[in-house]
Amino acid sequence: MKKLTIKDIARMAGVSISSVSRVINNSKPVNDEIREKVEKVIEETNFRPNALARGLINKSTNLIGVIIPQINSISADLINGIEEVANQNGYNIILSNSRLDTEQELKAIDIFKEKQVDGIILSSVDITERHVHLIHHYNIPLVVVGQKTTDSYIPWVDVDNYTSITEVVRYLIRSGHEEIGMIHGPLKDKSAGYSRYKAFLDEMKRYQLPINPDYLVESDFSTKGGYKAMETLLRRSTIPTAILCASDTIAIGDKNCAEDRGYFVPDDLSIVGFDDIEIATLIRPQLTTVRVDSFKMGSLSMETLIKVINEEELDKLEHYVNYRLIIRDSVKLIRKR
């Protein structure tokens, strides 16, 4: 069966195409008789106007492209935050999962441009020069979430990764730990990877504590990656009394590996995570971690994008969400310092 178009509806109602467009988009006044004719045909045919066709008239498709690096509990909360604000403001979202592939992210931006989305929210582990060039070239309203892009004049939303990690290090030191290690994320990730790693190094130096290279291991942000990283660390000649992990998923992998090899958390080894995902309270001992409101990151990124779409002047490019250190059971108090 042939799909109906606005032209078909106009013919069936005996009115002009422009009149049908005005009724559908509520763009200009239409007399009651014409409106009733059009609405009757639409109801009888169950006609659903194409979003792109509406966009040609309104210069808006009410579609938002969302690009995420992978599907997990954090990205799910992020999407929920984006979608809630989007729906409240008459937008729908189209989702693209890049699977941590830069080429897929760039391809998604191309596709969203073709679909004439009103704006894009981009969550990426690495905003490259190619990203920046394409974003500026297309001139599509865009907000980055999870990375800082101030230097590229692109608005962004993130947590203060540096300050939050320094707070964790100070907590471990107050608990009597001096031999502290870190299983950090990929350093190409300038936010959750490098920024958290640098904060750890800087704070250890600030307290004049030794930084043992053997206690520093890189991992991806997965439980499997955390497990492998802990295997590497446990093969070293000595181990730290506490390990700071760049994510809860890494921390859970670390904990599983340590316990598989006969270590007890926190008696033999204290572990701290980052994100406060749901499973952090389900494991035993419960995980000490940094709580980040991923839902708020999503909603704030969408609120910011709406301002960009409406060409409102932003008072700043940087937008931070709050964090909080959540102290639970995975850190041993050696002595108060």
C-alpha atoms as a PDB file:
ATOM      1  CA  MET A   1       0.000   0.000   0.000  1.00  0.00           C
ATOM      2  CA  LYS A   2       1.350   3.388  -0.989  1.00  0.00           C
ATOM      3  CA  LYS A   3       2.293   5.602   1.940  1.00  0.00           C
ATOM      4  CA  LEU A   4       0.186   8.750   2.074  1.00  0.00           C
ATOM      5  CA  THR A   5       1.822  12.155   1.703  1.00  0.00           C
ATOM      6  CA  ILE A   6       0.714  15.686   2.497  1.00  0.00           C
ATOM      7  CA  LYS A   7      -0.107  16.030  -1.210  1.00  0.00           C
ATOM      8  CA  ASP A   8      -2.517  13.081  -0.951  1.00  0.00           C
ATOM      9  CA  ILE A   9      -4.214  14.552   2.115  1.00  0.00           C
ATOM     10  CA  ALA A  10      -4.640  17.884   0.317  1.00  0.00           C
ATOM     11  CA  ARG A  11      -6.231  16.162  -2.698  1.00  0.00           C
ATOM     12  CA  MET A  12      -8.598  14.090  -0.532  1.00  0.00           C
ATOM     13  CA  ALA A  13      -9.657  17.126   1.522  1.00  0.00           C
ATOM     14  CA  GLY A  14     -10.003  19.342  -1.536  1.00  0.00           C
ATOM     15  CA  VAL A  15      -7.624  21.974  -0.189  1.00  0.00           C
ATOM     16  CA  SER A  16      -4.146  23.228  -1.024  1.00  0.00           C
ATOM     17  CA  ILE A  17      -0.937  21.562   0.193  1.00  0.00           C
ATOM     18  CA  SER A  18      -0.026  24.734   2.083  1.00  0.00           C
ATOM     19  CA  SER A  19      -3.338  24.572   3.960  1.00  0.00           C
ATOM     20  CA  VAL A  20      -2.607  20.991   5.062  1.00  0.00           C
ATOM     21  CA  SER A  21       0.855  22.057   6.191  1.00  0.00           C
ATOM     22  CA  ARG A  22      -0.603  24.904   8.243  1.00  0.00           C
ATOM     23  CA  VAL A  23      -3.027  22.558   9.970  1.00  0.00           C
ATOM     24  CA  ILE A  24      -0.385  19.925  10.715  1.00  0.00           C
ATOM     25  CA  ASN A  25       2.199  22.399  11.957  1.00  0.00           C
ATOM     26  CA  ASN A  26      -0.196  24.933  13.417  1.00  0.00           C
ATOM     27  CA  SER A  27       2.000  27.544  11.795  1.00  0.00           C
ATOM     28  CA  LYS A  28      -0.513  30.054  10.406  1.00  0.00           C
ATOM     29  CA  PRO A  29      -4.259  30.684  10.909  1.00  0.00           C
ATOM     30  CA  VAL A  30      -6.613  28.446   8.915  1.00  0.00           C
ATOM     31  CA  ASN A  31     -10.384  28.924   8.766  1.00  0.00           C
ATOM     32  CA  ASP A  32     -12.472  26.385  10.678  1.00  0.00           C
ATOM     33  CA  GLU A  33     -13.990  24.788   7.586  1.00  0.00           C
ATOM     34  CA  ILE A  34     -10.619  23.956   6.026  1.00  0.00           C
ATOM     35  CA  ARG A  35      -9.234  22.766   9.375  1.00  0.00           C
ATOM     36  CA  GLU A  36     -12.202  20.422   9.874  1.00  0.00           C
ATOM     37  CA  LYS A  37     -11.807  18.955   6.355  1.00  0.00           C
ATOM     38  CA  VAL A  38      -8.089  18.296   6.837  1.00  0.00           C
ATOM     39  CA  GLU A  39      -8.451  16.877  10.349  1.00  0.00           C
ATOM     40  CA  LYS A  40     -11.264  14.567   9.203  1.00  0.00           C
ATOM     41  CA  VAL A  41      -9.128  13.107   6.386  1.00  0.00           C
ATOM     42  CA  ILE A  42      -6.147  12.735   8.709  1.00  0.00           C
ATOM     43  CA  GLU A  43      -8.299  10.880  11.243  1.00  0.00           C
ATOM     44  CA  GLU A  44      -9.919   8.616   8.618  1.00  0.00           C
ATOM     45  CA  THR A  45      -6.577   7.709   7.022  1.00  0.00           C
ATOM     46  CA  ASN A  46      -4.586   7.585  10.278  1.00  0.00           C
ATOM     47  CA  PHE A  47      -2.058   9.806   8.512  1.00  0.00           C
ATOM     48  CA  ARG A  48       1.261  10.435  10.307  1.00  0.00           C
ATOM     49  CA  PRO A  49       3.215  13.326   8.747  1.00  0.00           C
ATOM     50  CA  ASN A  50       6.870  12.658   8.086  1.00  0.00           C
ATOM     51  CA  ALA A  51       9.188  14.450  10.506  1.00  0.00           C
ATOM     52  CA  LEU A  52      11.501  15.579   7.735  1.00  0.00           C
ATOM     53  CA  ALA A  53       8.578  16.933   5.733  1.00  0.00           C
ATOM     54  CA  ARG A  54       7.499  18.967   8.757  1.00  0.00           C
ATOM     55  CA  GLY A  55      11.062  20.094   9.133  1.00  0.00           C
ATOM     56  CA  LEU A  56      11.128  21.563   5.635  1.00  0.00           C
ATOM     57  CA  ILE A  57       8.292  23.857   6.702  1.00  0.00           C
ATOM     58  CA  ASN A  58       9.192  24.517  10.322  1.00  0.00           C
ATOM     59  CA  LYS A  59      12.955  24.314   9.768  1.00  0.00           C
ATOM     60  CA  SER A  60      12.815  21.974  12.738  1.00  0.00           C
ATOM     61  CA  THR A  61      12.421  18.191  13.016  1.00  0.00           C
ATOM     62  CA  ASN A  62      12.182  18.172  16.814  1.00  0.00           C
ATOM     63  CA  LEU A  63      14.783  15.397  16.742  1.00  0.00           C
ATOM     64  CA  ILE A  64      17.910  15.244  18.887  1.00  0.00           C
ATOM     65  CA  GLY A  65      20.794  12.938  18.000  1.00  0.00           C
ATOM     66  CA  VAL A  66      22.499  11.307  20.985  1.00  0.00           C
ATOM     67  CA  ILE A  67      25.836   9.529  20.587  1.00  0.00           C
ATOM     68  CA  ILE A  68      27.125   7.353  23.449  1.00  0.00           C
ATOM     69  CA  PRO A  69      30.353   5.302  23.588  1.00  0.00           C
ATOM     70  CA  GLN A  70      28.769   2.136  25.021  1.00  0.00           C
ATOM     71  CA  ILE A  71      25.639   0.808  26.696  1.00  0.00           C
ATOM     72  CA  ASN A  72      25.949   0.459  30.466  1.00  0.00           C
ATOM     73  CA  SER A  73      24.199   1.648  33.624  1.00  0.00           C
ATOM     74  CA  ILE A  74      25.884   5.051  33.465  1.00  0.00           C
ATOM     75  CA  SER A  75      24.903   5.715  29.839  1.00  0.00           C
ATOM     76  CA  ALA A  76      21.374   4.459  30.607  1.00  0.00           C
ATOM     77  CA  ASP A  77      20.994   7.078  33.355  1.00  0.00           C
ATOM     78  CA  LEU A  78      22.487   9.699  31.045  1.00  0.00           C
ATOM     79  CA  ILE A  79      19.984   8.870  28.293  1.00  0.00           C
ATOM     80  CA  ASN A  80      17.079   8.939  30.746  1.00  0.00           C
ATOM     81  CA  GLY A  81      18.098  12.437  31.838  1.00  0.00           C
ATOM     82  CA  ILE A  82      18.388  13.627  28.246  1.00  0.00           C
ATOM     83  CA  GLU A  83      15.073  12.098  27.229  1.00  0.00           C
ATOM     84  CA  GLU A  84      13.112  13.516  30.159  1.00  0.00           C
ATOM     85  CA  VAL A  85      14.077  17.105  29.327  1.00  0.00           C
ATOM     86  CA  ALA A  86      13.745  16.448  25.594  1.00  0.00           C
ATOM     87  CA  ASN A  87      10.190  15.144  25.963  1.00  0.00           C
ATOM     88  CA  GLN A  88       9.220  18.027  28.234  1.00  0.00           C
ATOM     89  CA  ASN A  89      10.251  20.399  25.456  1.00  0.00           C
ATOM     90  CA  GLY A  90       8.682  18.574  22.508  1.00  0.00           C
ATOM     91  CA  TYR A  91      11.792  16.755  21.269  1.00  0.00           C
ATOM     92  CA  ASN A  92      12.445  13.097  20.533  1.00  0.00           C
ATOM     93  CA  ILE A  93      15.869  11.471  20.562  1.00  0.00           C
ATOM     94  CA  ILE A  94      17.671   9.218  18.087  1.00  0.00           C
ATOM     95  CA  LEU A  95      20.339   7.087  19.741  1.00  0.00           C
ATOM     96  CA  SER A  96      23.661   5.927  18.300  1.00  0.00           C
ATOM     97  CA  ASN A  97      26.028   3.576  20.153  1.00  0.00           C
ATOM     98  CA  SER A  98      29.553   4.113  18.822  1.00  0.00           C
ATOM     99  CA  ARG A  99      31.027   1.113  20.706  1.00  0.00           C
ATOM    100  CA  LEU A 100      34.102   3.194  21.560  1.00  0.00           C
ATOM    101  CA  ASP A 101      34.875   3.591  17.846  1.00  0.00           C
ATOM    102  CA  THR A 102      35.868   7.099  16.709  1.00  0.00           C
ATOM    103  CA  GLU A 103      34.915   6.338  13.104  1.00  0.00           C
ATOM    104  CA  GLN A 104      31.425   5.328  14.213  1.00  0.00           C
ATOM    105  CA  GLU A 105      31.060   8.596  16.136  1.00  0.00           C
ATOM    106  CA  LEU A 106      32.024  10.651  13.095  1.00  0.00           C
ATOM    107  CA  LYS A 107      29.699   8.573  10.908  1.00  0.00           C
ATOM    108  CA  ALA A 108      26.853   9.154  13.391  1.00  0.00           C
ATOM    109  CA  ILE A 109      27.387  12.916  13.179  1.00  0.00           C
ATOM    110  CA  ASP A 110      27.178  12.645   9.369  1.00  0.00           C
ATOM    111  CA  ILE A 111      23.952  10.631   9.596  1.00  0.00           C
ATOM    112  CA  PHE A 112      22.382  13.022  12.085  1.00  0.00           C
ATOM    113  CA  LYS A 113      23.229  15.896   9.758  1.00  0.00           C
ATOM    114  CA  GLU A 114      21.436  14.095   6.919  1.00  0.00           C
ATOM    115  CA  LYS A 115      18.420  13.491   9.146  1.00  0.00           C
ATOM    116  CA  GLN A 116      18.330  17.238   9.870  1.00  0.00           C
ATOM    117  CA  VAL A 117      18.317  16.800  13.633  1.00  0.00           C
ATOM    118  CA  ASP A 118      17.895  20.021  15.580  1.00  0.00           C
ATOM    119  CA  GLY A 119      20.909  19.266  17.759  1.00  0.00           C
ATOM    120  CA  ILE A 120      23.362  16.613  18.951  1.00  0.00           C
ATOM    121  CA  ILE A 121      24.555  15.468  22.364  1.00  0.00           C
ATOM    122  CA  LEU A 122      27.905  13.723  22.073  1.00  0.00           C
ATOM    123  CA  SER A 123      29.402  11.499  24.764  1.00  0.00           C
ATOM    124  CA  SER A 124      32.865  10.344  23.738  1.00  0.00           C
ATOM    125  CA  VAL A 125      36.021   9.132  25.443  1.00  0.00           C
ATOM    126  CA  ASP A 126      38.177  11.191  23.080  1.00  0.00           C
ATOM    127  CA  ILE A 127      37.169  14.402  21.305  1.00  0.00           C
ATOM    128  CA  THR A 128      39.681  14.576  18.458  1.00  0.00           C
ATOM    129  CA  GLU A 129      40.515  17.356  16.015  1.00  0.00           C
ATOM    130  CA  ARG A 130      38.389  15.493  13.471  1.00  0.00           C
ATOM    131  CA  HIS A 131      35.393  15.718  15.809  1.00  0.00           C
ATOM    132  CA  VAL A 132      35.929  19.436  16.298  1.00  0.00           C
ATOM    133  CA  HIS A 133      36.387  20.098  12.561  1.00  0.00           C
ATOM    134  CA  LEU A 134      33.199  18.208  11.651  1.00  0.00           C
ATOM    135  CA  ILE A 135      31.154  19.894  14.384  1.00  0.00           C
ATOM    136  CA  HIS A 136      32.203  23.377  13.301  1.00  0.00           C
ATOM    137  CA  HIS A 137      31.890  22.483   9.611  1.00  0.00           C
ATOM    138  CA  TYR A 138      28.266  21.346   9.953  1.00  0.00           C
ATOM    139  CA  ASN A 139      27.421  24.122  12.412  1.00  0.00           C
ATOM    140  CA  ILE A 140      24.873  21.911  14.167  1.00  0.00           C
ATOM    141  CA  PRO A 141      23.944  22.875  17.742  1.00  0.00           C
ATOM    142  CA  LEU A 142      25.944  20.405  19.836  1.00  0.00           C
ATOM    143  CA  VAL A 143      26.821  19.779  23.476  1.00  0.00           C
ATOM    144  CA  VAL A 144      29.535  17.405  24.652  1.00  0.00           C
ATOM    145  CA  VAL A 145      28.949  15.414  27.824  1.00  0.00           C
ATOM    146  CA  GLY A 146      31.779  13.794  29.782  1.00  0.00           C
ATOM    147  CA  GLN A 147      34.665  15.733  28.225  1.00  0.00           C
ATOM    148  CA  LYS A 148      35.946  19.300  28.451  1.00  0.00           C
ATOM    149  CA  THR A 149      35.879  21.132  25.114  1.00  0.00           C
ATOM    150  CA  THR A 150      36.252  24.759  26.194  1.00  0.00           C
ATOM    151  CA  ASP A 151      39.296  25.239  23.955  1.00  0.00           C
ATOM    152  CA  SER A 152      37.212  24.177  20.953  1.00  0.00           C
ATOM    153  CA  TYR A 153      34.404  26.631  21.839  1.00  0.00           C
ATOM    154  CA  ILE A 154      31.934  23.786  22.267  1.00  0.00           C
ATOM    155  CA  PRO A 155      29.697  23.737  25.381  1.00  0.00           C
ATOM    156  CA  TRP A 156      30.151  20.739  27.664  1.00  0.00           C
ATOM    157  CA  VAL A 157      28.802  19.058  30.793  1.00  0.00           C
ATOM    158  CA  ASP A 158      30.955  16.982  33.146  1.00  0.00           C
ATOM    159  CA  VAL A 159      31.838  16.248  36.752  1.00  0.00           C
ATOM    160  CA  ASP A 160      34.951  17.805  38.291  1.00  0.00           C
ATOM    161  CA  ASN A 161      37.106  14.714  37.906  1.00  0.00           C
ATOM    162  CA  TYR A 162      40.240  16.356  39.246  1.00  0.00           C
ATOM    163  CA  THR A 163      38.874  17.758  42.515  1.00  0.00           C
ATOM    164  CA  SER A 164      36.810  14.654  43.269  1.00  0.00           C
ATOM    165  CA  ILE A 165      39.873  12.400  43.035  1.00  0.00           C
ATOM    166  CA  THR A 166      41.952  14.681  45.257  1.00  0.00           C
ATOM    167  CA  GLU A 167      39.192  14.357  47.857  1.00  0.00           C
ATOM    168  CA  VAL A 168      39.410  10.555  47.648  1.00  0.00           C
ATOM    169  CA  VAL A 169      43.185  10.609  48.074  1.00  0.00           C
ATOM    170  CA  ARG A 170      42.878  12.850  51.137  1.00  0.00           C
ATOM    171  CA  TYR A 171      40.299  10.470  52.619  1.00  0.00           C
ATOM    172  CA  LEU A 172      42.635   7.492  52.158  1.00  0.00           C
ATOM    173  CA  ILE A 173      45.502   9.407  53.735  1.00  0.00           C
ATOM    174  CA  ARG A 174      43.308  10.398  56.700  1.00  0.00           C
ATOM    175  CA  SER A 175      42.503   6.712  57.085  1.00  0.00           C
ATOM    176  CA  GLY A 176      46.210   6.000  57.513  1.00  0.00           C
ATOM    177  CA  HIS A 177      47.087   4.788  54.011  1.00  0.00           C
ATOM    178  CA  GLU A 178      50.380   5.931  52.507  1.00  0.00           C
ATOM    179  CA  GLU A 179      51.139   3.151  50.017  1.00  0.00           C
ATOM    180  CA  ILE A 180      48.340   3.906  47.581  1.00  0.00           C
ATOM    181  CA  GLY A 181      47.991   2.653  44.039  1.00  0.00           C
ATOM    182  CA  MET A 182      45.670   3.527  41.177  1.00  0.00           C
ATOM    183  CA  ILE A 183      44.104   1.529  38.392  1.00  0.00           C
ATOM    184  CA  HIS A 184      43.296   4.337  35.998  1.00  0.00           C
ATOM    185  CA  GLY A 185      41.373   4.566  32.769  1.00  0.00           C
ATOM    186  CA  PRO A 186      42.856   5.050  29.278  1.00  0.00           C
ATOM    187  CA  LEU A 187      44.847   8.282  29.292  1.00  0.00           C
ATOM    188  CA  LYS A 188      43.496   9.277  25.869  1.00  0.00           C
ATOM    189  CA  ASP A 189      40.240   9.853  27.754  1.00  0.00           C
ATOM    190  CA  LYS A 190      41.117  13.334  28.968  1.00  0.00           C
ATOM    191  CA  SER A 191      38.300  13.429  31.509  1.00  0.00           C
ATOM    192  CA  ALA A 192      37.681  10.112  33.261  1.00  0.00           C
ATOM    193  CA  GLY A 193      41.122   8.847  32.260  1.00  0.00           C
ATOM    194  CA  TYR A 194      43.849  11.477  32.325  1.00  0.00           C
ATOM    195  CA  SER A 195      42.259  14.051  34.636  1.00  0.00           C
ATOM    196  CA  ARG A 196      41.610  11.494  37.384  1.00  0.00           C
ATOM    197  CA  TYR A 197      45.093  10.038  36.950  1.00  0.00           C
ATOM    198  CA  LYS A 198      46.803  13.423  37.147  1.00  0.00           C
ATOM    199  CA  ALA A 199      44.777  14.388  40.224  1.00  0.00           C
ATOM    200  CA  PHE A 200      45.994  11.229  41.961  1.00  0.00           C
ATOM    201  CA  LEU A 201      49.639  11.942  41.143  1.00  0.00           C
ATOM    202  CA  ASP A 202      49.408  15.609  42.135  1.00  0.00           C
ATOM    203  CA  GLU A 203      47.726  14.908  45.458  1.00  0.00           C
ATOM    204  CA  MET A 204      50.232  12.197  46.387  1.00  0.00           C
ATOM    205  CA  LYS A 205      53.056  14.650  45.645  1.00  0.00           C
ATOM    206  CA  ARG A 206      51.294  17.357  47.640  1.00  0.00           C
ATOM    207  CA  TYR A 207      51.360  15.104  50.691  1.00  0.00           C
ATOM    208  CA  GLN A 208      54.938  14.043  49.870  1.00  0.00           C
ATOM    209  CA  LEU A 209      53.965  10.393  49.619  1.00  0.00           C
ATOM    210  CA  PRO A 210      55.911   7.987  47.401  1.00  0.00           C
ATOM    211  CA  ILE A 211      54.423   7.150  44.010  1.00  0.00           C
ATOM    212  CA  ASN A 212      55.396   3.586  43.179  1.00  0.00           C
ATOM    213  CA  PRO A 213      55.213   2.932  39.411  1.00  0.00           C
ATOM    214  CA  ASP A 214      54.402  -0.706  40.213  1.00  0.00           C
ATOM    215  CA  TYR A 215      51.175   0.463  41.816  1.00  0.00           C
ATOM    216  CA  LEU A 216      49.950   2.233  38.669  1.00  0.00           C
ATOM    217  CA  VAL A 217      48.106   0.122  36.076  1.00  0.00           C
ATOM    218  CA  GLU A 218      45.889   1.142  33.151  1.00  0.00           C
ATOM    219  CA  SER A 219      42.548  -0.494  32.429  1.00  0.00           C
ATOM    220  CA  ASP A 220      39.512   0.077  30.276  1.00  0.00           C
ATOM    221  CA  PHE A 221      36.294   0.917  32.104  1.00  0.00           C
ATOM    222  CA  SER A 222      35.062  -2.647  32.466  1.00  0.00           C
ATOM    223  CA  THR A 223      34.943  -5.312  35.144  1.00  0.00           C
ATOM    224  CA  LYS A 224      36.998  -7.619  32.929  1.00  0.00           C
ATOM    225  CA  GLY A 225      39.590  -4.891  32.413  1.00  0.00           C
ATOM    226  CA  GLY A 226      39.745  -4.248  36.160  1.00  0.00           C
ATOM    227  CA  TYR A 227      40.253  -7.948  36.827  1.00  0.00           C
ATOM    228  CA  LYS A 228      43.168  -8.131  34.375  1.00  0.00           C
ATOM    229  CA  ALA A 229      44.708  -4.940  35.784  1.00  0.00           C
ATOM    230  CA  MET A 230      44.609  -6.400  39.302  1.00  0.00           C
ATOM    231  CA  GLU A 231      46.244  -9.578  38.018  1.00  0.00           C
ATOM    232  CA  THR A 232      49.092  -7.415  36.759  1.00  0.00           C
ATOM    233  CA  LEU A 233      49.404  -5.519  40.026  1.00  0.00           C
ATOM    234  CA  LEU A 234      49.357  -8.656  42.187  1.00  0.00           C
ATOM    235  CA  ARG A 235      52.314 -10.056  40.229  1.00  0.00           C
ATOM    236  CA  ARG A 236      54.481  -7.202  41.486  1.00  0.00           C
ATOM    237  CA  SER A 237      56.892  -7.742  44.377  1.00  0.00           C
ATOM    238  CA  THR A 238      54.778  -5.657  46.769  1.00  0.00           C
ATOM    239  CA  ILE A 239      51.204  -4.381  46.767  1.00  0.00           C
ATOM    240  CA  PRO A 240      49.714  -1.159  48.143  1.00  0.00           C
ATOM    241  CA  THR A 241      47.386  -1.028  51.151  1.00  0.00           C
ATOM    242  CA  ALA A 242      44.764   0.838  49.120  1.00  0.00           C
ATOM    243  CA  ILE A 243      43.829   1.109  45.461  1.00  0.00           C
ATOM    244  CA  LEU A 244      41.887   3.967  43.896  1.00  0.00           C
ATOM    245  CA  CYS A 245      39.983   2.860  40.794  1.00  0.00           C
ATOM    246  CA  ALA A 246      38.840   5.131  37.967  1.00  0.00           C
ATOM    247  CA  SER A 247      35.371   3.537  37.937  1.00  0.00           C
ATOM    248  CA  ASP A 248      33.167   1.214  39.968  1.00  0.00           C
ATOM    249  CA  THR A 249      33.308  -1.395  37.218  1.00  0.00           C
ATOM    250  CA  ILE A 250      37.112  -1.434  37.442  1.00  0.00           C
ATOM    251  CA  ALA A 251      36.878  -1.610  41.240  1.00  0.00           C
ATOM    252  CA  ILE A 252      34.524  -4.607  41.139  1.00  0.00           C
ATOM    253  CA  GLY A 253      36.886  -6.428  38.770  1.00  0.00           C
ATOM    254  CA  ASP A 254      39.785  -5.607  41.113  1.00  0.00           C
ATOM    255  CA  LYS A 255      37.887  -6.911  44.119  1.00  0.00           C
ATOM    256  CA  ASN A 256      36.927 -10.154  42.386  1.00  0.00           C
ATOM    257  CA  CYS A 257      40.502 -10.799  41.287  1.00  0.00           C
ATOM    258  CA  ALA A 258      41.987 -10.022  44.715  1.00  0.00           C
ATOM    259  CA  GLU A 259      39.512 -12.288  46.488  1.00  0.00           C
ATOM    260  CA  ASP A 260      40.060 -15.066  43.947  1.00  0.00           C
ATOM    261  CA  ARG A 261      43.719 -14.977  44.992  1.00  0.00           C
ATOM    262  CA  GLY A 262      43.064 -15.099  48.708  1.00  0.00           C
ATOM    263  CA  TYR A 263      43.059 -11.408  49.640  1.00  0.00           C
ATOM    264  CA  PHE A 264      40.292  -9.946  51.770  1.00  0.00           C
ATOM    265  CA  VAL A 265      38.746  -6.523  51.157  1.00  0.00           C
ATOM    266  CA  PRO A 266      39.262  -4.320  53.133  1.00  0.00           C
ATOM    267  CA  ASP A 267      41.406  -6.260  55.653  1.00  0.00           C
ATOM    268  CA  ASP A 268      44.249  -6.947  53.211  1.00  0.00           C
ATOM    269  CA  LEU A 269      43.455  -4.384  50.554  1.00  0.00           C
ATOM    270  CA  SER A 270      41.232  -1.299  50.534  1.00  0.00           C
ATOM    271  CA  ILE A 271      39.456  -0.386  47.294  1.00  0.00           C
ATOM    272  CA  VAL A 272      37.669   2.812  46.209  1.00  0.00           C
ATOM    273  CA  GLY A 273      35.595   3.207  43.045  1.00  0.00           C
ATOM    274  CA  PHE A 274      34.059   6.068  41.088  1.00  0.00           C
ATOM    275  CA  ASP A 275      30.466   6.630  39.802  1.00  0.00           C
ATOM    276  CA  ASP A 276      28.344   4.905  42.488  1.00  0.00           C
ATOM    277  CA  ILE A 277      26.534   2.527  40.160  1.00  0.00           C
ATOM    278  CA  GLU A 278      23.776   0.402  41.662  1.00  0.00           C
ATOM    279  CA  ILE A 279      25.921  -2.697  42.138  1.00  0.00           C
ATOM    280  CA  ALA A 280      28.274  -0.734  44.414  1.00  0.00           C
ATOM    281  CA  THR A 281      25.759  -1.250  47.238  1.00  0.00           C
ATOM    282  CA  LEU A 282      24.949  -4.843  46.311  1.00  0.00           C
ATOM    283  CA  ILE A 283      28.441  -6.310  46.641  1.00  0.00           C
ATOM    284  CA  ARG A 284      29.991  -7.112  50.019  1.00  0.00           C
ATOM    285  CA  PRO A 285      31.676  -5.225  51.413  1.00  0.00           C
ATOM    286  CA  GLN A 286      29.791  -2.279  49.952  1.00  0.00           C
ATOM    287  CA  LEU A 287      32.012  -0.084  47.816  1.00  0.00           C
ATOM    288  CA  THR A 288      33.314   3.296  48.914  1.00  0.00           C
ATOM    289  CA  THR A 289      33.041   5.484  45.837  1.00  0.00           C
ATOM    290  CA  VAL A 290      32.365   8.902  44.336  1.00  0.00           C
ATOM    291  CA  ARG A 291      28.712   9.472  43.505  1.00  0.00           C
ATOM    292  CA  VAL A 292      28.069  11.155  40.161  1.00  0.00           C
ATOM    293  CA  ASP A 293      24.525  11.975  39.100  1.00  0.00           C
ATOM    294  CA  SER A 294      24.549  10.697  35.509  1.00  0.00           C
ATOM    295  CA  PHE A 295      20.835  11.479  35.157  1.00  0.00           C
ATOM    296  CA  LYS A 296      21.589  15.110  36.026  1.00  0.00           C
ATOM    297  CA  MET A 297      24.450  15.147  33.515  1.00  0.00           C
ATOM    298  CA  GLY A 298      21.973  14.085  30.850  1.00  0.00           C
ATOM    299  CA  SER A 299      19.267  16.555  31.813  1.00  0.00           C
ATOM    300  CA  LEU A 300      21.748  19.436  32.103  1.00  0.00           C
ATOM    301  CA  SER A 301      23.270  18.627  28.704  1.00  0.00           C
ATOM    302  CA  MET A 302      19.791  18.682  27.115  1.00  0.00           C
ATOM    303  CA  GLU A 303      18.876  21.931  28.869  1.00  0.00           C
ATOM    304  CA  THR A 304      22.108  23.455  27.559  1.00  0.00           C
ATOM    305  CA  LEU A 305      21.483  22.140  24.040  1.00  0.00           C
ATOM    306  CA  ILE A 306      18.003  23.713  23.973  1.00  0.00           C
ATOM    307  CA  LYS A 307      19.577  27.072  24.762  1.00  0.00           C
ATOM    308  CA  VAL A 308      22.051  26.596  21.900  1.00  0.00           C
ATOM    309  CA  ILE A 309      19.244  25.578  19.512  1.00  0.00           C
ATOM    310  CA  ASN A 310      17.252  28.670  20.485  1.00  0.00           C
ATOM    311  CA  GLU A 311      20.385  30.771  19.975  1.00  0.00           C
ATOM    312  CA  GLU A 312      20.338  31.959  23.570  1.00  0.00           C
ATOM    313  CA  GLU A 313      23.620  33.369  24.774  1.00  0.00           C
ATOM    314  CA  LEU A 314      25.394  31.007  27.177  1.00  0.00           C
ATOM    315  CA  ASP A 315      27.063  32.691  30.137  1.00  0.00           C
ATOM    316  CA  LYS A 316      29.692  29.917  30.092  1.00  0.00           C
ATOM    317  CA  LEU A 317      30.741  26.864  28.108  1.00  0.00           C
ATOM    318  CA  GLU A 318      31.564  24.810  31.208  1.00  0.00           C
ATOM    319  CA  HIS A 319      28.789  23.072  33.136  1.00  0.00           C
ATOM    320  CA  TYR A 320      29.591  20.884  36.151  1.00  0.00           C
ATOM    321  CA  VAL A 321      27.334  18.489  38.030  1.00  0.00           C
ATOM    322  CA  ASN A 322      27.879  17.883  41.728  1.00  0.00           C
ATOM    323  CA  TYR A 323      29.671  14.854  43.160  1.00  0.00           C
ATOM    324  CA  ARG A 324      29.905  13.364  46.633  1.00  0.00           C
ATOM    325  CA  LEU A 325      32.309  10.961  48.314  1.00  0.00           C
ATOM    326  CA  ILE A 326      30.259   8.017  49.607  1.00  0.00           C
ATOM    327  CA  ILE A 327      32.031   6.223  52.443  1.00  0.00           C
ATOM    328  CA  ARG A 328      31.016   2.596  52.863  1.00  0.00           C
ATOM    329  CA  ASP A 329      32.874  -0.568  53.897  1.00  0.00           C
ATOM    330  CA  SER A 330      35.670  -1.201  51.385  1.00  0.00           C
ATOM    331  CA  VAL A 331      38.324   0.983  53.045  1.00  0.00           C
ATOM    332  CA  LYS A 332      40.134  -0.122  56.210  1.00  0.00           C
ATOM    333  CA  LEU A 333      40.934   2.450  58.867  1.00  0.00           C
ATOM    334  CA  ILE A 334      44.601   1.792  59.629  1.00  0.00           C
ATOM    335  CA  ARG A 335      45.017   4.804  61.857  1.00  0.00           C
ATOM    336  CA  LYS A 336      43.795   8.358  61.831  1.00  0.00           C
ATOM    337  CA  ARG A 337      46.202  10.883  60.387  1.00  0.00           C
END
